[in-house]
Structure formats: structure tokens, C-alpha cells
Amino acid sequence: MRTAAIVLILLALGYRLLPTLDMTWANFPPFAAIAFCGAVYFRDKRLWFLPFAGLCLTDLYINWFYAREYGYHLEWTGYVGRIVCYTLGLGLGAWVSSRKSWLWLLNGSLLGAVLFYLITNTLSWSTDAFYAKTLAGWWQALTIGHPEYPPTIFFFKNTLFGDLMFTGLFSGVMEWIAHTAKEPNLIDGEDGEKEKEDEGEPAEVKAKD
């Protein structure tokens, strides 16, 4: 299962780079979901470095590409904000992995997308001279953004959809592999393992309990 998880994360990181080849692929990129899913399914915490480092490195490359092609350069504060979001994604994944619930998987993915949206756009509001440093200016950064670009809320919708789509695909594949290999899945978790152990106990032991 670990190999499958690594392959899926590498494919997702590769998908993030497709807009540098064709801008029609720029919609629905998974951001925090990559770190989130990695933390949910990698029991070896050392492997968390893979999605985290992959996100940071692809950010650097995409930033370089946009600066070269379009003259747009992500400020260092924005880059730090993204790193914070990826770290929070790992934290959410670790927290959800101990809950063993599809509901918490959905909640964690949603929360990761919302945090990414709030943190990155709040940083844009605080550093961009275009926005008034007022509550109205902050709200503009969250909803409308710059008039020469599509509304910020439009990008949030794409990010939210991309994160949910990747989380659903990633988890679906991993659960299918676990089911095929007859291994504990996310829903079974520790409780499922305990039930299997209980089923294998002799009747006399169960009676004593």
C-alpha cells in the first residue's frame, strides 16, 4: 500500500506541473490535499517529507515559470504562507488518521482547502498595495481580488474541488487496494483489527471477558 500511495502522490505532483505545458490544465489543482493524504496513509512519518518537499519544489518551479512567461512573481511571504498551509495539511492528516472515519476524511479535506484559501489570500491582502488595509479590503481580497483577474472566490472553488477530487480518488484507490489485499482499511482501523482478534478468540476466553 505504501508504494501505491507514493505513486499516487508523485502523479498528483506531476499534475501540478501540467499548466507549465498547457494552461488549460490550470484548473482544479490539489494543494493541501497532497500533504493531507500523505499524512493520513503514511504510518512512517519520515515519508511525510515526500509530499511536503514535493509541494515546495513544484511551487518553486511553477513560480519560476510564471515569472519567466508572464512576469508574475510570488512574494516570499506568499511562499512562506504556502509552506504553512502544507504543514497544516500534514497536521490535519495526522489528526484524521487517528479518527478512522470517512466523515473526518471529508472534514479534513474541506478544512485544508479553506485554510489554504484564507491564509494565502489574507497574506495577499496584507502585502499587496492594491488592497485597502481595512475589513472591506480584506473581504475584497477574499472574494473579488484584482479586477483584471477572475474573482478570487472562483479560484477557491477550483481549489476546493481539486482537493476533494484528489482526496476521494486517493482514498478510493487506497481502500480498494486494502480490500483486495485483505488488509485493514481506513474505516476498519484499530477497531476493525480488534474485532478480528476478538473473533479469533476461543469462546471460553470471550465468556471470561
C-alpha atoms as a PDB file:
ATOM      1  CA  MET A   1       0.000   0.000   0.000  1.00  0.00           C
ATOM      2  CA  ARG A   2       2.879   2.349   0.723  1.00  0.00           C
ATOM      3  CA  THR A   3       4.151   2.003  -2.840  1.00  0.00           C
ATOM      4  CA  ALA A   4       0.698   2.799  -4.222  1.00  0.00           C
ATOM      5  CA  ALA A   5       0.456   5.883  -2.004  1.00  0.00           C
ATOM      6  CA  ILE A   6       3.868   7.105  -3.183  1.00  0.00           C
ATOM      7  CA  VAL A   7       2.902   6.608  -6.834  1.00  0.00           C
ATOM      8  CA  LEU A   8      -0.391   8.491  -6.395  1.00  0.00           C
ATOM      9  CA  ILE A   9       1.328  11.424  -4.689  1.00  0.00           C
ATOM     10  CA  LEU A  10       4.002  11.594  -7.385  1.00  0.00           C
ATOM     11  CA  LEU A  11       1.291  11.581 -10.062  1.00  0.00           C
ATOM     12  CA  ALA A  12      -0.515  14.413  -8.250  1.00  0.00           C
ATOM     13  CA  LEU A  13       2.716  16.423  -8.046  1.00  0.00           C
ATOM     14  CA  GLY A  14       3.224  15.834 -11.752  1.00  0.00           C
ATOM     15  CA  TYR A  15      -0.328  17.004 -12.413  1.00  0.00           C
ATOM     16  CA  ARG A  16       0.525  20.286 -10.668  1.00  0.00           C
ATOM     17  CA  LEU A  17       3.180  20.902 -13.331  1.00  0.00           C
ATOM     18  CA  LEU A  18       0.891  20.381 -16.331  1.00  0.00           C
ATOM     19  CA  PRO A  19      -0.112  24.099 -16.514  1.00  0.00           C
ATOM     20  CA  THR A  20       3.520  24.893 -17.369  1.00  0.00           C
ATOM     21  CA  LEU A  21       2.950  22.882 -20.550  1.00  0.00           C
ATOM     22  CA  ASP A  22      -0.665  23.821 -21.270  1.00  0.00           C
ATOM     23  CA  MET A  23      -2.617  26.459 -19.308  1.00  0.00           C
ATOM     24  CA  THR A  24      -5.879  24.594 -19.899  1.00  0.00           C
ATOM     25  CA  TRP A  25      -4.703  22.287 -17.090  1.00  0.00           C
ATOM     26  CA  ALA A  26      -4.508  25.175 -14.639  1.00  0.00           C
ATOM     27  CA  ASN A  27      -7.915  24.412 -13.074  1.00  0.00           C
ATOM     28  CA  PHE A  28      -8.557  22.212 -10.053  1.00  0.00           C
ATOM     29  CA  PRO A  29      -5.033  21.765  -8.693  1.00  0.00           C
ATOM     30  CA  PRO A  30      -4.749  19.817  -5.416  1.00  0.00           C
ATOM     31  CA  PHE A  31      -2.777  21.787  -2.867  1.00  0.00           C
ATOM     32  CA  ALA A  32      -3.061  20.929   0.819  1.00  0.00           C
ATOM     33  CA  ALA A  33      -4.793  17.628  -0.070  1.00  0.00           C
ATOM     34  CA  ILE A  34      -1.490  16.111  -1.212  1.00  0.00           C
ATOM     35  CA  ALA A  35       0.122  16.683   2.194  1.00  0.00           C
ATOM     36  CA  PHE A  36      -3.135  15.757   3.933  1.00  0.00           C
ATOM     37  CA  CYS A  37      -3.495  12.373   2.220  1.00  0.00           C
ATOM     38  CA  GLY A  38       0.190  11.608   2.702  1.00  0.00           C
ATOM     39  CA  ALA A  39      -0.124  12.057   6.460  1.00  0.00           C
ATOM     40  CA  VAL A  40      -3.339  10.012   6.570  1.00  0.00           C
ATOM     41  CA  TYR A  41      -1.862   6.967   4.829  1.00  0.00           C
ATOM     42  CA  PHE A  42       1.865   7.057   5.587  1.00  0.00           C
ATOM     43  CA  ARG A  43       2.349   5.477   9.010  1.00  0.00           C
ATOM     44  CA  ASP A  44       6.090   6.079   8.734  1.00  0.00           C
ATOM     45  CA  LYS A  45       6.336   9.801   9.482  1.00  0.00           C
ATOM     46  CA  ARG A  46       9.608  10.042   7.593  1.00  0.00           C
ATOM     47  CA  LEU A  47       7.614   9.579   4.388  1.00  0.00           C
ATOM     48  CA  TRP A  48       5.688  12.774   5.127  1.00  0.00           C
ATOM     49  CA  PHE A  49       8.738  14.548   3.730  1.00  0.00           C
ATOM     50  CA  LEU A  50       7.817  13.283   0.248  1.00  0.00           C
ATOM     51  CA  PRO A  51       4.545  15.221  -0.256  1.00  0.00           C
ATOM     52  CA  PHE A  52       5.826  18.205   1.731  1.00  0.00           C
ATOM     53  CA  ALA A  53       9.092  18.531  -0.213  1.00  0.00           C
ATOM     54  CA  GLY A  54       7.316  17.786  -3.486  1.00  0.00           C
ATOM     55  CA  LEU A  55       4.827  20.604  -2.933  1.00  0.00           C
ATOM     56  CA  CYS A  56       7.558  23.080  -2.000  1.00  0.00           C
ATOM     57  CA  LEU A  57       9.726  22.174  -5.005  1.00  0.00           C
ATOM     58  CA  THR A  58       6.859  22.265  -7.507  1.00  0.00           C
ATOM     59  CA  ASP A  59       5.873  25.659  -6.085  1.00  0.00           C
ATOM     60  CA  LEU A  60       9.393  26.928  -6.779  1.00  0.00           C
ATOM     61  CA  TYR A  61       9.328  25.646 -10.343  1.00  0.00           C
ATOM     62  CA  ILE A  62       5.811  26.983 -11.072  1.00  0.00           C
ATOM     63  CA  ASN A  63       6.788  30.345  -9.590  1.00  0.00           C
ATOM     64  CA  TRP A  64       9.874  30.461 -11.834  1.00  0.00           C
ATOM     65  CA  PHE A  65       7.760  29.549 -14.881  1.00  0.00           C
ATOM     66  CA  TYR A  66       5.132  32.242 -14.235  1.00  0.00           C
ATOM     67  CA  ALA A  67       7.847  34.847 -13.621  1.00  0.00           C
ATOM     68  CA  ARG A  68       9.521  33.972 -16.916  1.00  0.00           C
ATOM     69  CA  GLU A  69       6.392  33.674 -19.049  1.00  0.00           C
ATOM     70  CA  TYR A  70       4.025  36.230 -17.528  1.00  0.00           C
ATOM     71  CA  GLY A  71       6.166  38.464 -15.340  1.00  0.00           C
ATOM     72  CA  TYR A  72       4.276  37.312 -12.242  1.00  0.00           C
ATOM     73  CA  HIS A  73       6.429  36.571  -9.228  1.00  0.00           C
ATOM     74  CA  LEU A  74       5.148  35.140  -5.953  1.00  0.00           C
ATOM     75  CA  GLU A  75       6.364  37.194  -2.999  1.00  0.00           C
ATOM     76  CA  TRP A  76       8.377  35.366  -0.371  1.00  0.00           C
ATOM     77  CA  THR A  77       5.564  35.930   2.138  1.00  0.00           C
ATOM     78  CA  GLY A  78       3.193  34.089  -0.172  1.00  0.00           C
ATOM     79  CA  TYR A  79       5.639  31.225  -0.483  1.00  0.00           C
ATOM     80  CA  VAL A  80       6.010  31.022   3.305  1.00  0.00           C
ATOM     81  CA  GLY A  81       2.229  31.073   3.595  1.00  0.00           C
ATOM     82  CA  ARG A  82       2.001  28.074   1.287  1.00  0.00           C
ATOM     83  CA  ILE A  83       4.576  26.196   3.370  1.00  0.00           C
ATOM     84  CA  VAL A  84       2.460  26.909   6.453  1.00  0.00           C
ATOM     85  CA  CYS A  85      -0.598  25.535   4.620  1.00  0.00           C
ATOM     86  CA  TYR A  86       1.243  22.356   3.657  1.00  0.00           C
ATOM     87  CA  THR A  87       2.396  21.916   7.253  1.00  0.00           C
ATOM     88  CA  LEU A  88      -1.180  22.330   8.454  1.00  0.00           C
ATOM     89  CA  GLY A  89      -2.239  19.783   5.830  1.00  0.00           C
ATOM     90  CA  LEU A  90       0.172  17.265   7.336  1.00  0.00           C
ATOM     91  CA  GLY A  91      -1.161  18.046  10.800  1.00  0.00           C
ATOM     92  CA  LEU A  92      -4.757  17.574   9.681  1.00  0.00           C
ATOM     93  CA  GLY A  93      -3.854  14.281   8.022  1.00  0.00           C
ATOM     94  CA  ALA A  94      -2.146  13.013  11.185  1.00  0.00           C
ATOM     95  CA  TRP A  95      -5.186  14.025  13.227  1.00  0.00           C
ATOM     96  CA  VAL A  96      -7.646  12.358  10.843  1.00  0.00           C
ATOM     97  CA  SER A  97      -5.560   9.158  10.670  1.00  0.00           C
ATOM     98  CA  SER A  98      -6.250   8.621  14.376  1.00  0.00           C
ATOM     99  CA  ARG A  99     -10.032   9.098  13.904  1.00  0.00           C
ATOM    100  CA  LYS A 100     -10.522   6.289  11.351  1.00  0.00           C
ATOM    101  CA  SER A 101     -13.613   7.823   9.801  1.00  0.00           C
ATOM    102  CA  TRP A 102     -14.746   8.715   6.285  1.00  0.00           C
ATOM    103  CA  LEU A 103     -16.571  11.704   7.742  1.00  0.00           C
ATOM    104  CA  TRP A 104     -13.368  13.050   9.265  1.00  0.00           C
ATOM    105  CA  LEU A 105     -11.570  12.375   5.995  1.00  0.00           C
ATOM    106  CA  LEU A 106     -14.065  14.646   4.241  1.00  0.00           C
ATOM    107  CA  ASN A 107     -13.932  17.231   7.035  1.00  0.00           C
ATOM    108  CA  GLY A 108     -10.132  17.286   6.992  1.00  0.00           C
ATOM    109  CA  SER A 109     -10.004  17.787   3.236  1.00  0.00           C
ATOM    110  CA  LEU A 110     -12.553  20.600   3.413  1.00  0.00           C
ATOM    111  CA  LEU A 111     -10.767  22.294   6.295  1.00  0.00           C
ATOM    112  CA  GLY A 112      -7.415  22.074   4.493  1.00  0.00           C
ATOM    113  CA  ALA A 113      -8.850  23.786   1.408  1.00  0.00           C
ATOM    114  CA  VAL A 114     -10.499  26.519   3.496  1.00  0.00           C
ATOM    115  CA  LEU A 115      -7.302  27.188   5.471  1.00  0.00           C
ATOM    116  CA  PHE A 116      -5.274  27.406   2.260  1.00  0.00           C
ATOM    117  CA  TYR A 117      -7.768  29.893   0.832  1.00  0.00           C
ATOM    118  CA  LEU A 118      -7.886  32.056   3.964  1.00  0.00           C
ATOM    119  CA  ILE A 119      -4.147  32.070   4.672  1.00  0.00           C
ATOM    120  CA  THR A 120      -2.900  32.732   1.134  1.00  0.00           C
ATOM    121  CA  ASN A 121      -5.455  35.445   0.366  1.00  0.00           C
ATOM    122  CA  THR A 122      -5.032  37.128   3.740  1.00  0.00           C
ATOM    123  CA  LEU A 123      -1.294  37.313   3.050  1.00  0.00           C
ATOM    124  CA  SER A 124      -2.033  38.809  -0.382  1.00  0.00           C
ATOM    125  CA  TRP A 125      -4.262  41.401   1.267  1.00  0.00           C
ATOM    126  CA  SER A 126      -1.609  42.300   3.850  1.00  0.00           C
ATOM    127  CA  THR A 127       1.245  42.697   1.347  1.00  0.00           C
ATOM    128  CA  ASP A 128      -0.490  43.948  -1.821  1.00  0.00           C
ATOM    129  CA  ALA A 129      -0.697  47.760  -2.008  1.00  0.00           C
ATOM    130  CA  PHE A 130      -3.807  47.442  -4.198  1.00  0.00           C
ATOM    131  CA  TYR A 131      -5.943  46.364  -1.245  1.00  0.00           C
ATOM    132  CA  ALA A 132      -7.073  48.813   1.409  1.00  0.00           C
ATOM    133  CA  LYS A 133      -5.884  47.652   4.814  1.00  0.00           C
ATOM    134  CA  THR A 134      -9.423  47.534   6.139  1.00  0.00           C
ATOM    135  CA  LEU A 135     -12.028  44.844   6.672  1.00  0.00           C
ATOM    136  CA  ALA A 136     -13.572  45.806   3.323  1.00  0.00           C
ATOM    137  CA  GLY A 137     -10.179  45.451   1.623  1.00  0.00           C
ATOM    138  CA  TRP A 138      -9.676  42.038   3.215  1.00  0.00           C
ATOM    139  CA  TRP A 139     -13.113  40.936   2.028  1.00  0.00           C
ATOM    140  CA  GLN A 140     -12.270  42.148  -1.474  1.00  0.00           C
ATOM    141  CA  ALA A 141      -9.097  40.052  -1.431  1.00  0.00           C
ATOM    142  CA  LEU A 142     -11.138  37.010  -0.422  1.00  0.00           C
ATOM    143  CA  THR A 143     -13.940  37.432  -2.945  1.00  0.00           C
ATOM    144  CA  ILE A 144     -13.226  39.721  -5.908  1.00  0.00           C
ATOM    145  CA  GLY A 145      -9.476  40.198  -5.940  1.00  0.00           C
ATOM    146  CA  HIS A 146      -7.868  42.258  -8.673  1.00  0.00           C
ATOM    147  CA  PRO A 147     -10.333  43.420 -11.347  1.00  0.00           C
ATOM    148  CA  GLU A 148      -8.022  42.307 -14.182  1.00  0.00           C
ATOM    149  CA  TYR A 149      -8.170  38.690 -12.954  1.00  0.00           C
ATOM    150  CA  PRO A 150     -11.079  36.286 -12.356  1.00  0.00           C
ATOM    151  CA  PRO A 151     -12.646  36.647  -8.882  1.00  0.00           C
ATOM    152  CA  THR A 152     -10.661  35.124  -6.036  1.00  0.00           C
ATOM    153  CA  ILE A 153     -13.662  33.082  -4.966  1.00  0.00           C
ATOM    154  CA  PHE A 154     -13.515  31.389  -8.389  1.00  0.00           C
ATOM    155  CA  PHE A 155     -10.030  30.088  -7.615  1.00  0.00           C
ATOM    156  CA  PHE A 156     -11.227  28.924  -4.209  1.00  0.00           C
ATOM    157  CA  LYS A 157     -13.998  26.916  -5.853  1.00  0.00           C
ATOM    158  CA  ASN A 158     -11.432  25.243  -8.111  1.00  0.00           C
ATOM    159  CA  THR A 159      -9.066  24.575  -5.208  1.00  0.00           C
ATOM    160  CA  LEU A 160     -11.875  23.114  -3.129  1.00  0.00           C
ATOM    161  CA  PHE A 161     -12.997  20.861  -5.956  1.00  0.00           C
ATOM    162  CA  GLY A 162      -9.431  19.812  -6.734  1.00  0.00           C
ATOM    163  CA  ASP A 163      -8.688  18.924  -3.107  1.00  0.00           C
ATOM    164  CA  LEU A 164     -11.914  16.949  -2.700  1.00  0.00           C
ATOM    165  CA  MET A 165     -11.417  15.185  -6.035  1.00  0.00           C
ATOM    166  CA  PHE A 166      -7.835  14.183  -5.198  1.00  0.00           C
ATOM    167  CA  THR A 167      -8.739  13.084  -1.657  1.00  0.00           C
ATOM    168  CA  GLY A 168     -11.622  10.988  -2.958  1.00  0.00           C
ATOM    169  CA  LEU A 169      -9.530   9.423  -5.727  1.00  0.00           C
ATOM    170  CA  PHE A 170      -6.531   8.809  -3.464  1.00  0.00           C
ATOM    171  CA  SER A 171      -8.600   7.289  -0.653  1.00  0.00           C
ATOM    172  CA  GLY A 172     -10.753   5.260  -3.031  1.00  0.00           C
ATOM    173  CA  VAL A 173      -7.716   3.665  -4.659  1.00  0.00           C
ATOM    174  CA  MET A 174      -6.033   3.013  -1.309  1.00  0.00           C
ATOM    175  CA  GLU A 175      -9.162   1.475   0.208  1.00  0.00           C
ATOM    176  CA  TRP A 176      -9.681  -0.706  -2.865  1.00  0.00           C
ATOM    177  CA  ILE A 177      -6.098  -1.948  -2.638  1.00  0.00           C
ATOM    178  CA  ALA A 178      -6.514  -2.654   1.086  1.00  0.00           C
ATOM    179  CA  HIS A 179      -9.772  -4.522   0.463  1.00  0.00           C
ATOM    180  CA  THR A 180      -8.215  -6.575  -2.350  1.00  0.00           C
ATOM    181  CA  ALA A 181      -5.190  -7.437  -0.201  1.00  0.00           C
ATOM    182  CA  LYS A 182      -7.462  -8.153   2.801  1.00  0.00           C
ATOM    183  CA  GLU A 183      -5.658  -5.532   4.874  1.00  0.00           C
ATOM    184  CA  PRO A 184      -7.250  -3.146   7.406  1.00  0.00           C
ATOM    185  CA  ASN A 185      -8.616  -0.043   5.718  1.00  0.00           C
ATOM    186  CA  LEU A 186      -9.345   3.436   6.984  1.00  0.00           C
ATOM    187  CA  ILE A 187     -12.814   2.577   8.247  1.00  0.00           C
ATOM    188  CA  ASP A 188     -11.721  -0.645   9.973  1.00  0.00           C
ATOM    189  CA  GLY A 189      -8.697   0.961  11.585  1.00  0.00           C
ATOM    190  CA  GLU A 190      -7.777  -0.270  15.018  1.00  0.00           C
ATOM    191  CA  ASP A 191     -11.379  -1.135  15.833  1.00  0.00           C
ATOM    192  CA  GLY A 192     -11.567  -3.426  12.819  1.00  0.00           C
ATOM    193  CA  GLU A 193      -8.348  -5.144  13.831  1.00  0.00           C
ATOM    194  CA  LYS A 194      -9.630  -5.551  17.368  1.00  0.00           C
ATOM    195  CA  GLU A 195     -12.871  -7.092  16.120  1.00  0.00           C
ATOM    196  CA  LYS A 196     -10.907  -9.582  14.015  1.00  0.00           C
ATOM    197  CA  GLU A 197      -8.810 -10.511  17.038  1.00  0.00           C
ATOM    198  CA  ASP A 198     -11.940 -10.927  19.148  1.00  0.00           C
ATOM    199  CA  GLU A 199     -13.488 -13.176  16.513  1.00  0.00           C
ATOM    200  CA  GLY A 200     -10.466 -15.442  16.688  1.00  0.00           C
ATOM    201  CA  GLU A 201     -10.598 -15.859  20.480  1.00  0.00           C
ATOM    202  CA  PRO A 202     -11.951 -19.100  21.940  1.00  0.00           C
ATOM    203  CA  ALA A 203     -15.478 -18.996  23.323  1.00  0.00           C
ATOM    204  CA  GLU A 204     -14.137 -19.654  26.841  1.00  0.00           C
ATOM    205  CA  VAL A 205     -11.989 -16.518  26.715  1.00  0.00           C
ATOM    206  CA  LYS A 206     -14.921 -14.414  25.488  1.00  0.00           C
ATOM    207  CA  ALA A 207     -17.058 -15.814  28.299  1.00  0.00           C
ATOM    208  CA  LYS A 208     -14.452 -14.812  30.887  1.00  0.00           C
ATOM    209  CA  ASP A 209     -14.394 -11.270  29.453  1.00  0.00           C
END
